N, C-alpha and C. Protein backbone atom coordinates (compact mmCIF):
# COMPACT_ATOMS: atom_id res chain seq x y z
N MET A 1 -62.45 -77.76 97.28
CA MET A 1 -62.89 -76.85 98.38
C MET A 1 -63.14 -77.36 99.38
N THR A 2 -63.14 -78.89 99.23
CA THR A 2 -63.03 -79.30 100.74
C THR A 2 -61.33 -79.72 101.12
N ASN A 3 -61.66 -79.47 102.88
CA ASN A 3 -60.57 -79.44 103.67
C ASN A 3 -60.20 -81.09 104.21
N VAL A 4 -59.38 -81.41 103.43
CA VAL A 4 -59.26 -82.86 103.53
C VAL A 4 -57.32 -82.41 104.08
N SER A 5 -57.05 -83.41 105.57
CA SER A 5 -55.75 -83.35 106.06
C SER A 5 -54.81 -84.43 105.60
N PRO A 6 -53.97 -84.63 105.44
CA PRO A 6 -53.38 -86.12 105.23
C PRO A 6 -52.73 -86.54 106.26
N ASP A 7 -52.72 -86.03 107.80
CA ASP A 7 -52.41 -86.43 108.91
C ASP A 7 -53.37 -87.14 109.49
N ILE A 8 -55.01 -87.49 108.57
CA ILE A 8 -55.43 -88.54 109.74
C ILE A 8 -54.55 -89.79 109.09
N PRO A 9 -54.36 -91.04 110.11
CA PRO A 9 -53.97 -92.14 109.70
C PRO A 9 -54.67 -92.84 109.01
N ALA A 10 -55.80 -93.49 109.50
CA ALA A 10 -56.53 -94.33 108.88
C ALA A 10 -58.49 -93.45 108.80
N TYR A 11 -58.89 -93.79 108.17
CA TYR A 11 -60.20 -93.19 108.17
C TYR A 11 -61.17 -94.91 108.93
N ASN A 12 -62.00 -95.02 109.95
CA ASN A 12 -62.58 -95.90 110.69
C ASN A 12 -63.40 -96.55 109.27
N ALA A 13 -64.04 -97.72 109.49
CA ALA A 13 -64.69 -98.33 108.82
C ALA A 13 -66.26 -97.38 108.54
N THR A 14 -67.03 -96.75 109.57
CA THR A 14 -67.81 -96.18 109.45
C THR A 14 -67.82 -94.94 108.30
N MET A 15 -66.43 -94.27 108.57
CA MET A 15 -66.31 -93.20 107.25
C MET A 15 -65.50 -93.80 106.13
N ARG A 16 -65.11 -94.47 106.00
CA ARG A 16 -64.67 -95.61 104.44
C ARG A 16 -66.71 -96.04 103.94
N LYS A 17 -67.21 -96.70 105.02
CA LYS A 17 -68.81 -96.77 104.63
C LYS A 17 -69.22 -95.17 103.99
N PHE A 18 -69.07 -94.12 104.71
CA PHE A 18 -69.63 -92.89 103.95
C PHE A 18 -69.08 -92.39 103.08
N GLY A 19 -68.24 -93.20 102.29
CA GLY A 19 -67.52 -93.05 101.19
C GLY A 19 -66.20 -91.87 101.42
N ALA A 20 -65.54 -91.87 103.20
CA ALA A 20 -64.47 -91.39 102.95
C ALA A 20 -63.21 -91.68 102.36
N PRO A 21 -62.59 -90.74 101.26
CA PRO A 21 -62.40 -89.47 101.97
C PRO A 21 -62.97 -88.63 100.89
N GLN A 22 -63.75 -89.00 99.78
CA GLN A 22 -64.11 -88.25 98.36
C GLN A 22 -65.59 -87.51 99.35
N THR A 23 -65.91 -87.72 100.01
CA THR A 23 -67.40 -87.23 100.71
C THR A 23 -67.17 -86.02 101.91
N ILE A 24 -65.93 -86.31 102.41
CA ILE A 24 -65.06 -85.15 103.57
C ILE A 24 -65.61 -83.64 102.49
N ILE A 25 -66.44 -82.96 103.38
CA ILE A 25 -66.35 -81.60 103.74
C ILE A 25 -65.41 -80.94 104.23
N HIS A 26 -65.35 -81.05 105.29
CA HIS A 26 -63.77 -80.85 106.15
C HIS A 26 -63.63 -81.39 107.28
N GLN A 27 -62.52 -81.68 107.39
CA GLN A 27 -61.81 -82.10 108.42
C GLN A 27 -60.87 -81.56 109.82
N TYR A 28 -61.33 -82.15 110.75
CA TYR A 28 -60.48 -81.16 111.59
C TYR A 28 -60.12 -82.08 112.22
N GLN A 29 -58.96 -82.36 113.42
CA GLN A 29 -58.01 -82.95 114.17
C GLN A 29 -58.89 -84.11 114.94
N TYR A 30 -60.08 -84.02 115.24
CA TYR A 30 -60.65 -85.26 115.61
C TYR A 30 -62.14 -85.59 114.90
N TRP A 31 -62.65 -84.80 114.15
CA TRP A 31 -63.83 -85.14 113.70
C TRP A 31 -63.87 -85.14 112.02
N SER A 32 -64.64 -85.30 110.86
CA SER A 32 -64.60 -85.25 109.95
C SER A 32 -66.23 -84.84 109.57
N VAL A 33 -66.24 -83.93 108.81
CA VAL A 33 -67.87 -83.62 107.81
C VAL A 33 -67.88 -83.73 106.96
N MET A 34 -69.16 -85.08 106.82
CA MET A 34 -69.15 -85.41 105.30
C MET A 34 -70.08 -85.72 104.77
N LEU A 35 -70.77 -85.52 103.68
CA LEU A 35 -71.96 -85.56 102.80
C LEU A 35 -72.28 -87.15 102.97
N ARG A 36 -73.33 -87.02 103.11
CA ARG A 36 -74.12 -88.98 103.43
C ARG A 36 -74.86 -89.10 101.87
N PRO A 37 -73.92 -90.32 101.16
CA PRO A 37 -74.05 -90.27 99.81
C PRO A 37 -75.18 -90.37 99.52
N ALA A 38 -76.56 -91.12 100.34
CA ALA A 38 -77.89 -91.33 99.78
C ALA A 38 -78.57 -90.15 101.31
N GLN A 39 -79.08 -89.23 100.52
CA GLN A 39 -79.23 -88.04 100.99
C GLN A 39 -80.88 -88.38 101.46
N LEU A 40 -81.34 -88.33 102.98
CA LEU A 40 -82.15 -88.38 103.43
C LEU A 40 -83.16 -86.88 102.99
N THR A 41 -82.29 -85.66 103.34
CA THR A 41 -82.90 -84.51 103.05
C THR A 41 -81.92 -83.93 101.90
N LEU A 42 -82.06 -82.52 101.33
CA LEU A 42 -81.05 -82.43 100.83
C LEU A 42 -79.94 -81.53 102.10
N GLY A 43 -78.92 -82.08 101.99
CA GLY A 43 -77.83 -81.43 102.69
C GLY A 43 -77.32 -82.81 103.94
N SER A 44 -77.91 -84.00 103.69
CA SER A 44 -77.70 -84.32 105.06
C SER A 44 -76.11 -84.99 105.45
N LEU A 45 -75.77 -84.83 106.15
CA LEU A 45 -74.54 -84.94 106.26
C LEU A 45 -74.61 -86.30 107.27
N ILE A 46 -72.81 -86.16 107.53
CA ILE A 46 -72.39 -87.48 108.75
C ILE A 46 -70.87 -86.55 109.34
N LEU A 47 -71.26 -86.55 111.13
CA LEU A 47 -70.34 -86.25 111.74
C LEU A 47 -69.73 -87.50 112.25
N ALA A 48 -68.40 -87.33 111.84
CA ALA A 48 -67.51 -88.65 112.01
C ALA A 48 -66.33 -88.61 113.21
N ALA A 49 -66.27 -89.15 114.47
CA ALA A 49 -65.28 -88.69 115.02
C ALA A 49 -64.22 -89.84 114.79
N HIS A 50 -62.83 -89.36 114.86
CA HIS A 50 -61.49 -89.97 114.28
C HIS A 50 -61.18 -91.07 115.62
N GLU A 51 -61.53 -90.58 116.78
CA GLU A 51 -60.81 -91.31 117.31
C GLU A 51 -61.71 -93.23 117.34
N PRO A 52 -60.74 -94.17 118.15
CA PRO A 52 -61.92 -95.54 118.11
C PRO A 52 -62.59 -95.41 118.96
N ALA A 53 -63.38 -95.46 119.07
CA ALA A 53 -64.40 -95.43 120.07
C ALA A 53 -65.95 -95.59 119.22
N ARG A 54 -66.51 -96.62 120.24
CA ARG A 54 -67.57 -97.08 119.66
C ARG A 54 -68.82 -96.74 120.79
N SER A 55 -68.45 -95.71 121.62
CA SER A 55 -69.77 -94.98 122.09
C SER A 55 -68.81 -93.71 122.69
N LEU A 56 -70.05 -92.74 123.03
CA LEU A 56 -69.91 -91.18 123.06
C LEU A 56 -68.95 -90.94 124.54
N SER A 57 -69.36 -91.81 125.54
CA SER A 57 -68.29 -91.90 126.67
C SER A 57 -66.86 -91.83 126.49
N GLU A 58 -66.27 -92.61 125.36
CA GLU A 58 -65.05 -93.46 125.23
C GLU A 58 -64.47 -91.79 124.64
N LEU A 59 -64.70 -90.95 124.35
CA LEU A 59 -64.34 -89.89 123.25
C LEU A 59 -63.28 -88.83 123.97
N GLY A 60 -62.02 -88.86 123.68
CA GLY A 60 -61.16 -87.67 124.97
C GLY A 60 -62.12 -86.39 124.74
N GLN A 61 -61.73 -85.80 125.61
CA GLN A 61 -61.65 -84.36 126.08
C GLN A 61 -61.90 -83.55 124.82
N GLU A 62 -60.60 -83.38 124.27
CA GLU A 62 -60.30 -82.94 123.21
C GLU A 62 -61.11 -83.11 122.29
N SER A 63 -61.71 -84.01 121.65
CA SER A 63 -62.95 -84.33 121.06
C SER A 63 -63.89 -83.19 121.44
N PHE A 64 -64.64 -83.41 122.64
CA PHE A 64 -65.55 -82.52 122.69
C PHE A 64 -65.35 -81.42 122.74
N THR A 65 -64.07 -80.59 123.14
CA THR A 65 -63.34 -79.48 123.25
C THR A 65 -63.43 -78.68 121.94
N GLU A 66 -63.59 -79.90 120.60
CA GLU A 66 -63.32 -79.23 119.11
C GLU A 66 -64.82 -79.66 118.37
N LEU A 67 -65.42 -80.25 119.27
CA LEU A 67 -67.07 -80.45 118.67
C LEU A 67 -67.99 -79.04 118.73
N HIS A 68 -67.47 -78.54 119.60
CA HIS A 68 -68.78 -77.15 119.25
C HIS A 68 -67.63 -76.40 118.34
N GLN A 69 -66.24 -76.49 117.94
CA GLN A 69 -66.38 -75.80 116.85
C GLN A 69 -66.59 -75.91 115.65
N VAL A 70 -66.42 -77.90 115.58
CA VAL A 70 -67.11 -78.48 114.29
C VAL A 70 -68.95 -78.16 113.95
N ILE A 71 -69.00 -78.17 115.26
CA ILE A 71 -71.02 -77.89 114.76
C ILE A 71 -71.15 -76.11 114.73
N THR A 72 -70.69 -75.26 115.17
CA THR A 72 -70.57 -74.14 115.20
C THR A 72 -70.54 -73.41 113.36
N GLN A 73 -69.53 -74.31 112.87
CA GLN A 73 -68.96 -74.16 111.71
C GLN A 73 -70.22 -74.26 110.67
N LEU A 74 -70.48 -76.25 111.20
CA LEU A 74 -71.22 -77.03 109.95
C LEU A 74 -72.63 -76.47 109.70
N GLU A 75 -73.09 -75.83 111.26
CA GLU A 75 -74.99 -75.39 110.88
C GLU A 75 -74.65 -73.72 110.70
N SER A 76 -73.76 -73.10 110.67
CA SER A 76 -73.84 -72.06 109.59
C SER A 76 -73.34 -72.39 108.14
N ALA A 77 -72.66 -73.20 108.10
CA ALA A 77 -72.52 -73.60 106.22
C ALA A 77 -73.58 -73.94 105.81
N LEU A 78 -74.27 -75.26 106.65
CA LEU A 78 -75.67 -75.41 105.98
C LEU A 78 -76.58 -74.58 106.10
N ALA A 79 -76.54 -73.80 106.94
CA ALA A 79 -77.98 -72.83 106.76
C ALA A 79 -77.69 -71.86 105.64
N LYS A 80 -76.39 -71.32 105.52
CA LYS A 80 -76.00 -70.59 104.20
C LYS A 80 -76.34 -71.09 102.95
N ALA A 81 -76.23 -72.45 103.08
CA ALA A 81 -76.10 -73.25 101.98
C ALA A 81 -77.65 -73.67 101.12
N PHE A 82 -78.61 -74.16 102.19
CA PHE A 82 -79.56 -74.16 102.30
C PHE A 82 -81.10 -74.42 102.96
N ASN A 83 -80.32 -73.01 103.91
CA ASN A 83 -81.70 -72.34 105.08
C ASN A 83 -82.58 -73.21 105.66
N TYR A 84 -81.89 -74.52 105.65
CA TYR A 84 -83.22 -75.58 106.62
C TYR A 84 -83.88 -74.84 107.77
N ASP A 85 -84.76 -75.48 107.67
CA ASP A 85 -85.67 -75.28 108.71
C ASP A 85 -85.81 -75.66 110.48
N ARG A 86 -85.09 -76.56 110.40
CA ARG A 86 -85.05 -77.42 111.55
C ARG A 86 -83.70 -78.17 111.06
N LEU A 87 -82.73 -78.77 112.44
CA LEU A 87 -81.67 -79.62 112.16
C LEU A 87 -81.84 -80.60 113.23
N ASN A 88 -81.84 -81.96 112.56
CA ASN A 88 -81.65 -83.45 113.62
C ASN A 88 -80.35 -83.86 113.73
N TYR A 89 -80.04 -83.97 115.02
CA TYR A 89 -78.78 -84.88 114.96
C TYR A 89 -79.15 -86.02 115.42
N LEU A 90 -78.29 -86.71 114.68
CA LEU A 90 -79.03 -88.42 115.38
C LEU A 90 -77.98 -89.20 115.30
N MET A 91 -77.56 -89.97 116.61
CA MET A 91 -76.43 -91.08 116.83
C MET A 91 -77.14 -92.02 117.04
N LEU A 92 -77.31 -92.86 116.19
CA LEU A 92 -77.99 -94.75 116.24
C LEU A 92 -76.90 -95.59 116.33
N MET A 93 -75.83 -95.41 115.49
CA MET A 93 -75.08 -96.48 115.75
C MET A 93 -75.35 -97.92 116.21
N MET A 94 -76.45 -98.27 115.17
CA MET A 94 -76.57 -99.66 115.35
C MET A 94 -75.92 -100.83 114.11
N VAL A 95 -75.56 -100.01 112.82
CA VAL A 95 -75.20 -100.83 112.09
C VAL A 95 -73.64 -100.42 111.88
N ASP A 96 -73.42 -98.89 111.54
CA ASP A 96 -71.83 -98.61 111.96
C ASP A 96 -71.37 -98.29 113.17
N PRO A 97 -70.85 -99.11 114.21
CA PRO A 97 -70.19 -98.78 115.10
C PRO A 97 -69.76 -97.82 116.16
N ASP A 98 -68.74 -97.21 115.08
CA ASP A 98 -67.79 -96.40 115.00
C ASP A 98 -68.70 -94.78 115.29
N VAL A 99 -68.38 -94.08 116.60
CA VAL A 99 -68.97 -93.08 116.75
C VAL A 99 -68.95 -91.61 115.91
N HIS A 100 -70.90 -91.75 115.74
CA HIS A 100 -71.00 -90.54 114.50
C HIS A 100 -72.51 -90.13 114.52
N PHE A 101 -72.57 -89.15 113.85
CA PHE A 101 -74.06 -88.64 113.77
C PHE A 101 -74.48 -88.35 112.26
N HIS A 102 -75.67 -88.55 112.10
CA HIS A 102 -76.29 -88.31 111.00
C HIS A 102 -76.84 -86.87 111.26
N VAL A 103 -76.33 -86.13 110.57
CA VAL A 103 -76.62 -84.64 110.71
C VAL A 103 -78.11 -84.17 109.48
N ILE A 104 -79.27 -84.47 109.74
CA ILE A 104 -80.12 -84.03 108.87
C ILE A 104 -80.89 -83.02 108.92
N PRO A 105 -80.59 -81.93 107.99
CA PRO A 105 -81.68 -80.77 107.57
C PRO A 105 -82.80 -80.94 107.22
N ARG A 106 -83.84 -80.21 107.92
CA ARG A 106 -85.16 -80.62 107.67
C ARG A 106 -85.79 -79.87 106.96
N TYR A 107 -86.65 -79.56 106.27
CA TYR A 107 -87.61 -78.45 105.24
C TYR A 107 -89.25 -79.11 105.24
N ALA A 108 -89.99 -77.73 105.74
CA ALA A 108 -91.21 -77.55 105.95
C ALA A 108 -91.79 -77.62 104.26
N LYS A 109 -90.55 -77.14 103.42
CA LYS A 109 -91.33 -77.17 101.68
C LYS A 109 -90.22 -77.83 101.00
N THR A 110 -90.40 -78.16 99.82
CA THR A 110 -89.62 -79.12 99.25
C THR A 110 -88.78 -77.83 98.37
N LYS A 111 -87.14 -78.83 98.79
CA LYS A 111 -86.24 -77.76 97.79
C LYS A 111 -85.88 -78.18 96.65
N TYR A 112 -85.16 -77.40 95.86
CA TYR A 112 -84.06 -78.08 94.43
C TYR A 112 -82.91 -77.57 94.61
N PHE A 113 -82.43 -78.53 93.65
CA PHE A 113 -80.43 -78.43 93.71
C PHE A 113 -80.62 -79.25 92.79
N ASN A 114 -79.74 -77.96 91.44
CA ASN A 114 -78.70 -79.06 90.39
C ASN A 114 -79.94 -79.29 89.93
N ALA A 115 -81.10 -78.74 89.26
CA ALA A 115 -82.36 -79.63 88.81
C ALA A 115 -82.82 -80.57 89.54
N ARG A 116 -82.74 -81.09 90.67
CA ARG A 116 -83.87 -81.89 91.52
C ARG A 116 -84.31 -81.54 92.69
N GLU A 117 -85.22 -82.51 92.69
CA GLU A 117 -86.26 -81.64 93.56
C GLU A 117 -86.18 -82.89 94.95
N PHE A 118 -85.81 -82.12 95.91
CA PHE A 118 -85.83 -83.10 97.30
C PHE A 118 -86.76 -82.37 98.61
N THR A 119 -87.78 -84.08 98.63
CA THR A 119 -88.89 -83.03 99.53
C THR A 119 -88.84 -83.90 101.05
N ASP A 120 -89.03 -83.52 102.32
CA ASP A 120 -88.22 -84.22 103.28
C ASP A 120 -90.13 -84.66 103.29
N SER A 121 -89.45 -85.86 103.09
CA SER A 121 -90.97 -87.02 103.54
C SER A 121 -91.79 -87.31 105.18
N GLY A 122 -90.50 -86.93 106.14
CA GLY A 122 -90.81 -87.19 107.55
C GLY A 122 -90.97 -85.85 107.90
N TRP A 123 -91.41 -84.78 107.56
CA TRP A 123 -92.01 -83.36 107.84
C TRP A 123 -93.16 -83.54 108.29
N PRO A 124 -93.57 -82.83 109.21
CA PRO A 124 -92.77 -82.77 110.57
C PRO A 124 -91.97 -83.72 111.74
N GLY A 125 -92.44 -84.80 111.03
CA GLY A 125 -92.08 -85.61 112.11
C GLY A 125 -90.64 -86.02 111.99
N PRO A 126 -90.11 -87.18 112.43
CA PRO A 126 -89.22 -87.27 112.54
C PRO A 126 -88.26 -87.88 111.29
N PRO A 127 -87.19 -87.76 110.51
CA PRO A 127 -86.60 -88.25 109.13
C PRO A 127 -87.01 -89.41 108.85
N ASP A 128 -87.12 -89.64 107.96
CA ASP A 128 -87.59 -90.93 106.94
C ASP A 128 -86.48 -91.56 106.56
N PHE A 129 -85.85 -92.54 106.97
CA PHE A 129 -84.70 -93.42 106.86
C PHE A 129 -84.95 -94.46 105.45
N LYS A 130 -86.14 -94.60 105.39
CA LYS A 130 -86.56 -95.52 104.41
C LYS A 130 -86.54 -94.72 103.13
N ARG A 131 -86.75 -93.66 103.31
CA ARG A 131 -86.89 -92.66 101.82
C ARG A 131 -85.55 -91.70 101.50
N THR A 132 -84.55 -92.88 100.32
CA THR A 132 -83.23 -91.75 100.52
C THR A 132 -83.14 -91.19 98.81
N TYR A 133 -82.69 -90.28 98.30
CA TYR A 133 -81.94 -90.34 96.98
C TYR A 133 -81.05 -90.41 96.55
N GLU A 134 -81.03 -91.77 96.09
CA GLU A 134 -79.47 -91.88 95.37
C GLU A 134 -78.90 -91.12 94.33
N ILE A 135 -78.51 -89.93 94.30
CA ILE A 135 -77.62 -89.29 93.77
C ILE A 135 -76.27 -89.25 93.14
N ASP A 136 -76.02 -89.16 91.95
CA ASP A 136 -75.22 -89.10 91.01
C ASP A 136 -74.17 -88.75 91.93
N ALA A 137 -72.69 -89.49 90.96
CA ALA A 137 -71.53 -88.55 92.03
C ALA A 137 -71.06 -87.31 91.65
N GLU A 138 -71.75 -86.75 90.13
CA GLU A 138 -71.41 -85.32 89.75
C GLU A 138 -72.13 -84.57 91.21
N THR A 139 -73.85 -84.72 91.49
CA THR A 139 -74.42 -83.90 92.66
C THR A 139 -73.78 -84.18 93.77
N ASN A 140 -73.57 -85.22 94.31
CA ASN A 140 -73.20 -85.12 95.54
C ASN A 140 -71.92 -84.38 95.66
N ARG A 141 -71.19 -84.29 94.13
CA ARG A 141 -69.70 -83.35 94.41
C ARG A 141 -69.67 -81.80 94.39
N LEU A 142 -71.35 -81.50 93.68
CA LEU A 142 -71.64 -80.09 93.30
C LEU A 142 -72.40 -80.13 95.16
N ILE A 143 -73.17 -80.59 96.00
CA ILE A 143 -73.40 -80.56 96.93
C ILE A 143 -72.24 -80.21 97.97
N ILE A 144 -71.05 -80.90 97.81
CA ILE A 144 -69.82 -81.18 98.87
C ILE A 144 -69.49 -79.74 98.87
N ASP A 145 -69.26 -79.89 97.46
CA ASP A 145 -68.50 -78.07 96.83
C ASP A 145 -69.53 -76.70 96.98
N HIS A 146 -70.73 -77.13 97.43
CA HIS A 146 -71.99 -75.57 97.78
C HIS A 146 -71.36 -75.43 98.93
N ILE A 147 -71.53 -76.43 100.06
CA ILE A 147 -71.84 -76.39 101.58
C ILE A 147 -70.29 -76.34 102.06
N ALA A 148 -69.34 -76.75 101.03
CA ALA A 148 -67.86 -76.21 101.58
C ALA A 148 -67.91 -74.62 101.15
N SER A 149 -68.17 -73.83 100.13
CA SER A 149 -68.32 -72.56 99.92
C SER A 149 -68.51 -72.17 100.81
N TYR A 150 -69.19 -72.12 101.71
CA TYR A 150 -69.82 -71.46 102.78
C TYR A 150 -68.90 -71.42 104.29
N TRP A 151 -68.15 -72.35 104.15
CA TRP A 151 -67.51 -73.33 105.36
C TRP A 151 -66.35 -72.19 106.10
N GLY A 152 -66.81 -71.52 107.28
CA GLY A 152 -65.86 -70.57 107.83
C GLY A 152 -66.33 -69.24 107.75
N ILE A 153 -67.46 -68.80 106.59
CA ILE A 153 -68.05 -67.79 106.48
C ILE A 153 -69.09 -67.33 107.71
N LYS A 154 -68.80 -66.15 108.55
CA LYS A 154 -69.70 -66.11 109.59
C LYS A 154 -71.08 -65.27 109.37
C-alpha cells in the first residue's frame, strides 16, 4: 500500500542506509517518508530530502513548499495509526550528512503492536537513541502498511 514513484532518479546514501526503497511509506517529489528500521519508539520514521543537499539552507524553495504537505499528512497518519502523545523532529546529520529528519513519536505509556511491546525509555525527556527495537522484516512491513493505510485520510 506504500506509494513509491519510479520518477526518483536515485536514492541518496542516507535513504539507502535507512532501507530505501523497501522502507518507504510515501514518496513525494522532493521528500520520502520512510520507516526507521531500528525503531526508537513505535512508528519512528525518517523524513529524507531527495535534493543533493548537506544543509537545510541548500534545499530549494519547492522542497520547503512541499514539506508543509508532507508534515501534515505524516502527522495525521501517525496520529491515527498509533495515537502518539508528542512528536519529535530531530535533524542530527552527524553520521548521515544528507538532509533528513528523525521523526520520533513519543509515548507516555507502553504501546503494543504485532504482539510486541514498545516502551519509550526516554519519556518524558529526549528520545533514547541507545535503546532501539531491532525488529524483523515482517513486523517492519506490518508497521509500514499500518501507517500507509492512514495516509491521506483526514
